[in-house]
Amino acid sequence: MTPEKIHALHTLYAVNPLDPKSLLAWAGSWALWIVVFAETGLLIGFFLPGDTLLFLAGVASSQFAVAIVGTKLPIVPLLIVTPLFAIAGAQLGYYLGRRYGVRMFDRPNSRIFKREYVVKTEATFEKFGVARAIVLARFIPIVRTFLNPVAGILEVSPQRFLTWNAVGAVLWTDGILLAGHLLAKKIDDTIGAENVDKFILPIIVMLVVIAALPLIVDIVRKRRARQRGRHAG
């Protein structure tokens, strides 16, 4: 076996599917696209690090890529292709929900699957309505996996699902990619490449909160309106 093949095998076996840096170093853009598709289209993909991988891929498309992430990715293919994989994954989940119905979730709790995931997803539909739930779900881990088949089970119209699926996919993928791309210099200047892992999660949480802020405001407004209605009654 040649040294090149030995190195390739070592890289393959060393990759950690839960470590975004390891995934990007192993397969580059394809690692991101596969994870985005699996996380939104396959029930077994809900544990994958989609948000973190998107942000790091955005950082990896900047001029500080090698210093921070250790690899360099092209920004234009990322912005064009990543939403397509997100759309395709969600459409697969939606199709499976329409095709197989509640049988998809007819299983006992296990270490991986929990019935509460489905309950949480259904509550998202009830709270926000179809359009906003489909878009918002993109920014909520676990919910973005289970919402698509639940939408199929609830028989959301295919045209309506595709429309809001596309909107949510672009906002989620390109929004976080661009955030990573634009914040790369700040990360490099402020915290240094060696500390980036400690700050990725707080940055992503901040981005998710900002994206969901209009919906949070709407929830607070409706809750106050209900409280005023009860007091008036």
C-alpha atoms as a PDB file:
ATOM      1  CA  MET A   1       0.000   0.000   0.000  1.00  0.00           C
ATOM      2  CA  THR A   2       1.395   3.400  -0.991  1.00  0.00           C
ATOM      3  CA  PRO A   3       2.053   6.144   1.587  1.00  0.00           C
ATOM      4  CA  GLU A   4      -0.718   8.240  -0.023  1.00  0.00           C
ATOM      5  CA  LYS A   5      -3.301   5.479   0.514  1.00  0.00           C
ATOM      6  CA  ILE A   6      -2.123   4.912   4.074  1.00  0.00           C
ATOM      7  CA  HIS A   7      -2.512   8.649   4.773  1.00  0.00           C
ATOM      8  CA  ALA A   8      -5.989   8.665   3.187  1.00  0.00           C
ATOM      9  CA  LEU A   9      -7.120   5.723   5.323  1.00  0.00           C
ATOM     10  CA  HIS A  10      -5.693   7.327   8.443  1.00  0.00           C
ATOM     11  CA  THR A  11      -7.593  10.549   7.668  1.00  0.00           C
ATOM     12  CA  LEU A  12     -10.820   8.609   7.061  1.00  0.00           C
ATOM     13  CA  TYR A  13     -10.643   6.700  10.338  1.00  0.00           C
ATOM     14  CA  ALA A  14      -9.515   9.768  12.288  1.00  0.00           C
ATOM     15  CA  VAL A  15     -12.496  11.902  11.243  1.00  0.00           C
ATOM     16  CA  ASN A  16     -14.961  12.739  14.014  1.00  0.00           C
ATOM     17  CA  PRO A  17     -18.521  13.268  12.664  1.00  0.00           C
ATOM     18  CA  LEU A  18     -19.357  15.470  15.663  1.00  0.00           C
ATOM     19  CA  ASP A  19     -16.280  17.703  15.276  1.00  0.00           C
ATOM     20  CA  PRO A  20     -16.884  20.425  12.648  1.00  0.00           C
ATOM     21  CA  LYS A  21     -13.169  21.140  12.191  1.00  0.00           C
ATOM     22  CA  SER A  22     -12.472  17.460  11.624  1.00  0.00           C
ATOM     23  CA  LEU A  23     -15.298  17.210   9.083  1.00  0.00           C
ATOM     24  CA  LEU A  24     -14.160  20.256   7.121  1.00  0.00           C
ATOM     25  CA  ALA A  25     -10.557  19.053   7.095  1.00  0.00           C
ATOM     26  CA  TRP A  26     -11.709  15.636   5.874  1.00  0.00           C
ATOM     27  CA  ALA A  27     -14.169  16.528   3.101  1.00  0.00           C
ATOM     28  CA  GLY A  28     -14.313  20.325   2.775  1.00  0.00           C
ATOM     29  CA  SER A  29     -17.536  21.723   1.343  1.00  0.00           C
ATOM     30  CA  TRP A  30     -18.955  18.244   0.809  1.00  0.00           C
ATOM     31  CA  ALA A  31     -18.848  17.610   4.548  1.00  0.00           C
ATOM     32  CA  LEU A  32     -21.055  20.667   5.079  1.00  0.00           C
ATOM     33  CA  TRP A  33     -23.459  19.748   2.291  1.00  0.00           C
ATOM     34  CA  ILE A  34     -23.868  16.150   3.464  1.00  0.00           C
ATOM     35  CA  VAL A  35     -24.433  17.185   7.077  1.00  0.00           C
ATOM     36  CA  VAL A  36     -26.970  19.880   6.104  1.00  0.00           C
ATOM     37  CA  PHE A  37     -28.867  17.378   3.955  1.00  0.00           C
ATOM     38  CA  ALA A  38     -28.800  14.624   6.592  1.00  0.00           C
ATOM     39  CA  GLU A  39     -29.744  16.914   9.478  1.00  0.00           C
ATOM     40  CA  THR A  40     -32.809  18.246   7.671  1.00  0.00           C
ATOM     41  CA  GLY A  41     -33.815  15.138   5.715  1.00  0.00           C
ATOM     42  CA  LEU A  42     -33.049  12.091   7.859  1.00  0.00           C
ATOM     43  CA  LEU A  43     -34.364  11.508  11.377  1.00  0.00           C
ATOM     44  CA  ILE A  44     -31.024  10.004  12.385  1.00  0.00           C
ATOM     45  CA  GLY A  45     -29.290  13.264  11.475  1.00  0.00           C
ATOM     46  CA  PHE A  46     -30.702  15.452  14.246  1.00  0.00           C
ATOM     47  CA  PHE A  47     -27.554  15.137  16.387  1.00  0.00           C
ATOM     48  CA  LEU A  48     -25.221  16.480  13.660  1.00  0.00           C
ATOM     49  CA  PRO A  49     -23.530  19.885  14.249  1.00  0.00           C
ATOM     50  CA  GLY A  50     -25.221  21.845  11.445  1.00  0.00           C
ATOM     51  CA  ASP A  51     -25.082  25.346  12.952  1.00  0.00           C
ATOM     52  CA  THR A  52     -21.479  25.043  14.079  1.00  0.00           C
ATOM     53  CA  LEU A  53     -20.405  23.565  10.755  1.00  0.00           C
ATOM     54  CA  LEU A  54     -22.103  26.373   8.822  1.00  0.00           C
ATOM     55  CA  PHE A  55     -20.392  29.024  10.904  1.00  0.00           C
ATOM     56  CA  LEU A  56     -16.967  27.387  10.638  1.00  0.00           C
ATOM     57  CA  ALA A  57     -17.427  26.904   6.887  1.00  0.00           C
ATOM     58  CA  GLY A  58     -18.113  30.636   6.653  1.00  0.00           C
ATOM     59  CA  VAL A  59     -14.924  31.319   8.605  1.00  0.00           C
ATOM     60  CA  ALA A  60     -13.111  28.854   6.312  1.00  0.00           C
ATOM     61  CA  SER A  61     -14.153  30.941   3.296  1.00  0.00           C
ATOM     62  CA  SER A  62     -12.430  34.065   4.626  1.00  0.00           C
ATOM     63  CA  GLN A  63      -8.874  35.278   4.219  1.00  0.00           C
ATOM     64  CA  PHE A  64      -8.179  34.055   7.760  1.00  0.00           C
ATOM     65  CA  ALA A  65      -9.378  30.524   6.996  1.00  0.00           C
ATOM     66  CA  VAL A  66      -6.111  28.619   7.351  1.00  0.00           C
ATOM     67  CA  ALA A  67      -5.107  30.414  10.557  1.00  0.00           C
ATOM     68  CA  ILE A  68      -8.425  29.756  12.311  1.00  0.00           C
ATOM     69  CA  VAL A  69      -9.878  26.574  10.788  1.00  0.00           C
ATOM     70  CA  GLY A  70      -6.913  25.028   9.008  1.00  0.00           C
ATOM     71  CA  THR A  71      -8.570  24.795   5.599  1.00  0.00           C
ATOM     72  CA  LYS A  72      -9.804  27.176   2.877  1.00  0.00           C
ATOM     73  CA  LEU A  73     -13.220  26.957   1.170  1.00  0.00           C
ATOM     74  CA  PRO A  74     -14.663  29.004  -1.734  1.00  0.00           C
ATOM     75  CA  ILE A  75     -17.449  31.340  -0.613  1.00  0.00           C
ATOM     76  CA  VAL A  76     -19.529  31.482  -3.835  1.00  0.00           C
ATOM     77  CA  PRO A  77     -20.208  27.703  -4.129  1.00  0.00           C
ATOM     78  CA  LEU A  78     -20.994  27.645  -0.428  1.00  0.00           C
ATOM     79  CA  LEU A  79     -23.631  30.366  -0.759  1.00  0.00           C
ATOM     80  CA  ILE A  80     -25.212  28.796  -3.850  1.00  0.00           C
ATOM     81  CA  VAL A  81     -25.023  25.055  -3.202  1.00  0.00           C
ATOM     82  CA  THR A  82     -25.569  24.862   0.570  1.00  0.00           C
ATOM     83  CA  PRO A  83     -29.178  26.187   0.466  1.00  0.00           C
ATOM     84  CA  LEU A  84     -29.946  23.663  -2.293  1.00  0.00           C
ATOM     85  CA  PHE A  85     -28.865  20.773  -0.063  1.00  0.00           C
ATOM     86  CA  ALA A  86     -30.883  22.237   2.820  1.00  0.00           C
ATOM     87  CA  ILE A  87     -33.962  22.505   0.598  1.00  0.00           C
ATOM     88  CA  ALA A  88     -33.500  18.981  -0.776  1.00  0.00           C
ATOM     89  CA  GLY A  89     -33.051  17.509   2.711  1.00  0.00           C
ATOM     90  CA  ALA A  90     -36.204  19.143   4.043  1.00  0.00           C
ATOM     91  CA  GLN A  91     -38.172  18.060   0.975  1.00  0.00           C
ATOM     92  CA  LEU A  92     -37.079  14.471   1.599  1.00  0.00           C
ATOM     93  CA  GLY A  93     -38.221  14.680   5.209  1.00  0.00           C
ATOM     94  CA  TYR A  94     -41.543  16.174   4.084  1.00  0.00           C
ATOM     95  CA  TYR A  95     -42.031  13.419   1.494  1.00  0.00           C
ATOM     96  CA  LEU A  96     -41.303  10.697   4.050  1.00  0.00           C
ATOM     97  CA  GLY A  97     -43.859  12.243   6.397  1.00  0.00           C
ATOM     98  CA  ARG A  98     -46.555  12.267   3.711  1.00  0.00           C
ATOM     99  CA  ARG A  99     -45.620   8.765   2.556  1.00  0.00           C
ATOM    100  CA  TYR A 100     -45.334   6.952   5.878  1.00  0.00           C
ATOM    101  CA  GLY A 101     -47.321   9.174   8.251  1.00  0.00           C
ATOM    102  CA  VAL A 102     -47.223   8.664  12.009  1.00  0.00           C
ATOM    103  CA  ARG A 103     -45.537   5.267  11.558  1.00  0.00           C
ATOM    104  CA  MET A 104     -42.270   7.203  11.272  1.00  0.00           C
ATOM    105  CA  PHE A 105     -42.563   8.132  14.952  1.00  0.00           C
ATOM    106  CA  ASP A 106     -44.211   4.948  16.199  1.00  0.00           C
ATOM    107  CA  ARG A 107     -41.272   3.767  18.258  1.00  0.00           C
ATOM    108  CA  PRO A 108     -40.361   3.746  21.964  1.00  0.00           C
ATOM    109  CA  ASN A 109     -37.882   6.122  23.535  1.00  0.00           C
ATOM    110  CA  SER A 110     -34.235   5.213  23.119  1.00  0.00           C
ATOM    111  CA  ARG A 111     -30.894   6.871  23.710  1.00  0.00           C
ATOM    112  CA  ILE A 112     -31.260   8.664  20.381  1.00  0.00           C
ATOM    113  CA  PHE A 113     -34.991   9.012  19.699  1.00  0.00           C
ATOM    114  CA  LYS A 114     -37.276  10.700  22.207  1.00  0.00           C
ATOM    115  CA  ARG A 115     -41.018  11.235  21.846  1.00  0.00           C
ATOM    116  CA  GLU A 116     -40.553  14.709  23.316  1.00  0.00           C
ATOM    117  CA  TYR A 117     -38.775  15.741  20.091  1.00  0.00           C
ATOM    118  CA  VAL A 118     -41.992  15.183  18.146  1.00  0.00           C
ATOM    119  CA  VAL A 119     -44.098  16.921  20.799  1.00  0.00           C
ATOM    120  CA  LYS A 120     -41.765  19.934  20.711  1.00  0.00           C
ATOM    121  CA  THR A 121     -42.051  20.060  16.930  1.00  0.00           C
ATOM    122  CA  GLU A 122     -45.848  19.912  16.963  1.00  0.00           C
ATOM    123  CA  ALA A 123     -45.886  22.708  19.551  1.00  0.00           C
ATOM    124  CA  THR A 124     -43.821  24.864  17.168  1.00  0.00           C
ATOM    125  CA  PHE A 125     -46.537  24.496  14.504  1.00  0.00           C
ATOM    126  CA  GLU A 126     -49.293  25.350  16.958  1.00  0.00           C
ATOM    127  CA  LYS A 127     -47.477  28.393  18.311  1.00  0.00           C
ATOM    128  CA  PHE A 128     -46.266  30.015  15.080  1.00  0.00           C
ATOM    129  CA  GLY A 129     -48.443  28.693  12.270  1.00  0.00           C
ATOM    130  CA  VAL A 130     -47.201  26.876   9.184  1.00  0.00           C
ATOM    131  CA  ALA A 131     -45.132  29.521   7.368  1.00  0.00           C
ATOM    132  CA  ARG A 132     -43.260  30.925  10.360  1.00  0.00           C
ATOM    133  CA  ALA A 133     -42.771  27.479  11.896  1.00  0.00           C
ATOM    134  CA  ILE A 134     -41.072  26.172   8.742  1.00  0.00           C
ATOM    135  CA  VAL A 135     -38.727  29.170   8.625  1.00  0.00           C
ATOM    136  CA  LEU A 136     -38.060  29.340  12.369  1.00  0.00           C
ATOM    137  CA  ALA A 137     -37.410  25.600  12.613  1.00  0.00           C
ATOM    138  CA  ARG A 138     -34.246  26.044  10.560  1.00  0.00           C
ATOM    139  CA  PHE A 139     -32.661  27.832  13.509  1.00  0.00           C
ATOM    140  CA  ILE A 140     -33.705  25.320  16.176  1.00  0.00           C
ATOM    141  CA  PRO A 141     -31.631  22.131  16.497  1.00  0.00           C
ATOM    142  CA  ILE A 142     -33.696  18.904  16.562  1.00  0.00           C
ATOM    143  CA  VAL A 143     -36.862  20.779  15.543  1.00  0.00           C
ATOM    144  CA  ARG A 144     -35.393  21.452  12.068  1.00  0.00           C
ATOM    145  CA  THR A 145     -35.065  17.672  11.645  1.00  0.00           C
ATOM    146  CA  PHE A 146     -38.491  16.608  12.859  1.00  0.00           C
ATOM    147  CA  LEU A 147     -40.575  19.511  11.570  1.00  0.00           C
ATOM    148  CA  ASN A 148     -40.313  18.460   7.917  1.00  0.00           C
ATOM    149  CA  PRO A 149     -41.881  14.987   8.260  1.00  0.00           C
ATOM    150  CA  VAL A 150     -44.426  16.404  10.719  1.00  0.00           C
ATOM    151  CA  ALA A 151     -45.394  18.949   8.031  1.00  0.00           C
ATOM    152  CA  GLY A 152     -45.933  16.037   5.654  1.00  0.00           C
ATOM    153  CA  ILE A 153     -48.024  14.170   8.215  1.00  0.00           C
ATOM    154  CA  LEU A 154     -50.151  17.279   8.799  1.00  0.00           C
ATOM    155  CA  GLU A 155     -50.626  17.514   5.003  1.00  0.00           C
ATOM    156  CA  VAL A 156     -49.233  21.000   4.548  1.00  0.00           C
ATOM    157  CA  SER A 157     -49.648  21.695   0.818  1.00  0.00           C
ATOM    158  CA  PRO A 158     -46.536  20.812  -1.236  1.00  0.00           C
ATOM    159  CA  GLN A 159     -46.378  24.262  -2.861  1.00  0.00           C
ATOM    160  CA  ARG A 160     -46.630  26.071   0.460  1.00  0.00           C
ATOM    161  CA  PHE A 161     -44.030  23.844   2.092  1.00  0.00           C
ATOM    162  CA  LEU A 162     -41.577  24.252  -0.786  1.00  0.00           C
ATOM    163  CA  THR A 163     -41.933  28.043  -0.748  1.00  0.00           C
ATOM    164  CA  TRP A 164     -41.249  28.478   2.953  1.00  0.00           C
ATOM    165  CA  ASN A 165     -38.723  25.663   2.956  1.00  0.00           C
ATOM    166  CA  ALA A 166     -36.680  27.603   0.389  1.00  0.00           C
ATOM    167  CA  VAL A 167     -36.996  30.869   2.337  1.00  0.00           C
ATOM    168  CA  GLY A 168     -35.903  29.215   5.573  1.00  0.00           C
ATOM    169  CA  ALA A 169     -33.044  27.341   3.906  1.00  0.00           C
ATOM    170  CA  VAL A 170     -31.532  30.495   2.397  1.00  0.00           C
ATOM    171  CA  LEU A 171     -31.893  32.514   5.618  1.00  0.00           C
ATOM    172  CA  TRP A 172     -30.386  29.742   7.731  1.00  0.00           C
ATOM    173  CA  THR A 173     -27.490  28.574   5.578  1.00  0.00           C
ATOM    174  CA  ASP A 174     -26.405  31.796   3.898  1.00  0.00           C
ATOM    175  CA  GLY A 175     -27.081  33.861   7.016  1.00  0.00           C
ATOM    176  CA  ILE A 176     -24.759  31.797   9.212  1.00  0.00           C
ATOM    177  CA  LEU A 177     -22.189  31.313   6.425  1.00  0.00           C
ATOM    178  CA  LEU A 178     -21.952  35.066   5.877  1.00  0.00           C
ATOM    179  CA  ALA A 179     -21.791  35.686   9.618  1.00  0.00           C
ATOM    180  CA  GLY A 180     -18.796  33.366   9.889  1.00  0.00           C
ATOM    181  CA  HIS A 181     -17.194  34.882   6.792  1.00  0.00           C
ATOM    182  CA  LEU A 182     -17.602  38.469   8.005  1.00  0.00           C
ATOM    183  CA  LEU A 183     -16.686  37.804  11.632  1.00  0.00           C
ATOM    184  CA  ALA A 184     -13.518  35.841  10.820  1.00  0.00           C
ATOM    185  CA  LYS A 185     -11.199  38.839  11.113  1.00  0.00           C
ATOM    186  CA  LYS A 186     -12.801  39.833  14.422  1.00  0.00           C
ATOM    187  CA  ILE A 187     -12.332  36.295  15.728  1.00  0.00           C
ATOM    188  CA  ASP A 188      -8.694  36.233  14.643  1.00  0.00           C
ATOM    189  CA  ASP A 189      -7.965  39.684  16.115  1.00  0.00           C
ATOM    190  CA  THR A 190      -9.884  39.262  19.362  1.00  0.00           C
ATOM    191  CA  ILE A 191      -9.592  35.670  20.562  1.00  0.00           C
ATOM    192  CA  GLY A 192      -7.000  34.053  18.318  1.00  0.00           C
ATOM    193  CA  ALA A 193      -7.191  30.827  16.371  1.00  0.00           C
ATOM    194  CA  GLU A 194      -6.292  28.641  19.358  1.00  0.00           C
ATOM    195  CA  ASN A 195      -9.410  29.757  21.308  1.00  0.00           C
ATOM    196  CA  VAL A 196     -11.985  29.693  18.534  1.00  0.00           C
ATOM    197  CA  ASP A 197     -13.666  26.465  19.682  1.00  0.00           C
ATOM    198  CA  LYS A 198     -14.605  28.036  23.039  1.00  0.00           C
ATOM    199  CA  PHE A 199     -16.493  30.890  21.389  1.00  0.00           C
ATOM    200  CA  ILE A 200     -18.255  29.188  18.467  1.00  0.00           C
ATOM    201  CA  LEU A 201     -21.337  28.063  20.445  1.00  0.00           C
ATOM    202  CA  PRO A 202     -22.006  31.457  22.112  1.00  0.00           C
ATOM    203  CA  ILE A 203     -21.653  33.183  18.734  1.00  0.00           C
ATOM    204  CA  ILE A 204     -24.137  30.781  17.118  1.00  0.00           C
ATOM    205  CA  VAL A 205     -26.602  31.188  20.000  1.00  0.00           C
ATOM    206  CA  MET A 206     -26.392  34.957  19.556  1.00  0.00           C
ATOM    207  CA  LEU A 207     -27.062  34.642  15.809  1.00  0.00           C
ATOM    208  CA  VAL A 208     -30.044  32.346  16.393  1.00  0.00           C
ATOM    209  CA  VAL A 209     -31.529  34.743  18.945  1.00  0.00           C
ATOM    210  CA  ILE A 210     -31.120  37.671  16.549  1.00  0.00           C
ATOM    211  CA  ALA A 211     -32.771  35.698  13.729  1.00  0.00           C
ATOM    212  CA  ALA A 212     -35.662  34.683  15.973  1.00  0.00           C
ATOM    213  CA  LEU A 213     -36.093  38.114  17.585  1.00  0.00           C
ATOM    214  CA  PRO A 214     -39.133  39.170  15.483  1.00  0.00           C
ATOM    215  CA  LEU A 215     -40.915  35.945  16.446  1.00  0.00           C
ATOM    216  CA  ILE A 216     -39.976  36.360  20.101  1.00  0.00           C
ATOM    217  CA  VAL A 217     -41.405  39.884  20.060  1.00  0.00           C
ATOM    218  CA  ASP A 218     -44.569  38.543  18.413  1.00  0.00           C
ATOM    219  CA  ILE A 219     -44.947  35.843  21.096  1.00  0.00           C
ATOM    220  CA  VAL A 220     -44.565  38.402  23.899  1.00  0.00           C
ATOM    221  CA  ARG A 221     -47.055  40.737  22.232  1.00  0.00           C
ATOM    222  CA  LYS A 222     -49.677  37.981  21.837  1.00  0.00           C
ATOM    223  CA  ARG A 223     -49.178  36.789  25.402  1.00  0.00           C
ATOM    224  CA  ARG A 224     -49.689  40.294  26.755  1.00  0.00           C
ATOM    225  CA  ALA A 225     -52.781  40.681  24.594  1.00  0.00           C
ATOM    226  CA  ARG A 226     -54.236  37.445  26.045  1.00  0.00           C
ATOM    227  CA  GLN A 227     -53.467  38.609  29.565  1.00  0.00           C
ATOM    228  CA  ARG A 228     -55.186  41.944  28.942  1.00  0.00           C
ATOM    229  CA  GLY A 229     -58.163  40.068  27.535  1.00  0.00           C
ATOM    230  CA  ARG A 230     -58.437  37.891  30.659  1.00  0.00           C
ATOM    231  CA  HIS A 231     -58.190  40.907  32.943  1.00  0.00           C
ATOM    232  CA  ALA A 232     -60.778  42.774  30.898  1.00  0.00           C
ATOM    233  CA  GLY A 233     -63.120  39.777  31.093  1.00  0.00           C
END
